[in-house]
């Protein structure tokens, strides 16, 4: 399920960049 992995990776990056 590469789609789930990609979405999870994107979410982590966005979440880390948003709070910063």
PDB file of N, CA and C in Angstrom:
ATOM      1  N   UNK A   1       0.848  -1.222   0.000  1.00  0.00           N
ATOM      2  CA  UNK A   1       0.000   0.000   0.000  1.00  0.00           C
ATOM      3  C   UNK A   1       0.881   1.270   0.000  1.00  0.00           C
ATOM      4  N   UNK A   2       1.476   1.546  -1.115  1.00  0.00           N
ATOM      5  CA  UNK A   2       2.355   2.733  -1.237  1.00  0.00           C
ATOM      6  C   UNK A   2       1.570   4.023  -1.047  1.00  0.00           C
ATOM      7  N   UNK A   3       0.289   3.977  -1.370  1.00  0.00           N
ATOM      8  CA  UNK A   3      -0.522   5.203  -1.246  1.00  0.00           C
ATOM      9  C   UNK A   3      -0.608   5.632   0.213  1.00  0.00           C
ATOM     10  N   UNK A   4      -0.820   4.675   1.090  1.00  0.00           N
ATOM     11  CA  UNK A   4      -0.940   5.004   2.527  1.00  0.00           C
ATOM     12  C   UNK A   4       0.406   5.527   3.034  1.00  0.00           C
ATOM     13  N   UNK A   5       1.487   4.901   2.608  1.00  0.00           N
ATOM     14  CA  UNK A   5       2.824   5.321   3.054  1.00  0.00           C
ATOM     15  C   UNK A   5       3.096   6.752   2.572  1.00  0.00           C
ATOM     16  N   UNK A   6       2.746   7.027   1.339  1.00  0.00           N
ATOM     17  CA  UNK A   6       2.988   8.355   0.779  1.00  0.00           C
ATOM     18  C   UNK A   6       2.170   9.400   1.541  1.00  0.00           C
ATOM     19  N   UNK A   7       0.927   9.074   1.790  1.00  0.00           N
ATOM     20  CA  UNK A   7       0.048  10.027   2.494  1.00  0.00           C
ATOM     21  C   UNK A   7       0.565  10.245   3.908  1.00  0.00           C
ATOM     22  N   UNK A   8       0.997   9.182   4.552  1.00  0.00           N
ATOM     23  CA  UNK A   8       1.503   9.309   5.933  1.00  0.00           C
ATOM     24  C   UNK A   8       2.774  10.158   5.935  1.00  0.00           C
ATOM     25  N   UNK A   9       3.628   9.943   4.976  1.00  0.00           N
ATOM     26  CA  UNK A   9       4.887  10.716   4.918  1.00  0.00           C
ATOM     27  C   UNK A   9       4.565  12.192   4.665  1.00  0.00           C
ATOM     28  N   UNK A  10       3.619  12.450   3.796  1.00  0.00           N
ATOM     29  CA  UNK A  10       3.262  13.842   3.496  1.00  0.00           C
ATOM     30  C   UNK A  10       2.656  14.507   4.725  1.00  0.00           C
ATOM     31  N   UNK A  11       1.809  13.767   5.422  1.00  0.00           N
ATOM     32  CA  UNK A  11       1.156  14.320   6.618  1.00  0.00           C
ATOM     33  C   UNK A  11       2.202  14.664   7.676  1.00  0.00           C
ATOM     34  N   UNK A  12       3.168  13.797   7.829  1.00  0.00           N
ATOM     35  CA  UNK A  12       4.201  14.039   8.857  1.00  0.00           C
ATOM     36  C   UNK A  12       4.999  15.285   8.498  1.00  0.00           C
ATOM     37  N   UNK A  13       5.318  15.430   7.224  1.00  0.00           N
ATOM     38  CA  UNK A  13       6.109  16.594   6.809  1.00  0.00           C
ATOM     39  C   UNK A  13       5.290  17.876   6.974  1.00  0.00           C
ATOM     40  N   UNK A  14       4.047  17.829   6.583  1.00  0.00           N
ATOM     41  CA  UNK A  14       3.185  19.018   6.681  1.00  0.00           C
ATOM     42  C   UNK A  14       2.948  19.370   8.145  1.00  0.00           C
ATOM     43  N   UNK A  15       2.725  18.338   8.956  1.00  0.00           N
ATOM     44  CA  UNK A  15       2.461  18.578  10.388  1.00  0.00           C
ATOM     45  C   UNK A  15       3.703  19.200  11.040  1.00  0.00           C
ATOM     46  N   UNK A  16       4.865  18.716  10.667  1.00  0.00           N
ATOM     47  CA  UNK A  16       6.102  19.237  11.269  1.00  0.00           C
ATOM     48  C   UNK A  16       6.372  20.657  10.760  1.00  0.00           C
ATOM     49  N   UNK A  17       6.007  20.923   9.526  1.00  0.00           N
ATOM     50  CA  UNK A  17       6.265  22.254   8.953  1.00  0.00           C
ATOM     51  C   UNK A  17       5.195  23.255   9.403  1.00  0.00           C
ATOM     52  N   UNK A  18       3.987  22.780   9.598  1.00  0.00           N
ATOM     53  CA  UNK A  18       2.901  23.702   9.993  1.00  0.00           C
ATOM     54  C   UNK A  18       3.128  24.300  11.385  1.00  0.00           C
ATOM     55  N   UNK A  19       3.368  23.458  12.382  1.00  0.00           N
ATOM     56  CA  UNK A  19       3.583  23.970  13.750  1.00  0.00           C
ATOM     57  C   UNK A  19       4.814  24.863  13.839  1.00  0.00           C
ATOM     58  N   UNK A  20       5.800  24.553  13.031  1.00  0.00           N
ATOM     59  CA  UNK A  20       7.012  25.370  13.055  1.00  0.00           C
ATOM     60  C   UNK A  20       6.673  26.766  12.536  1.00  0.00           C
TER      61      UNK A  20
END
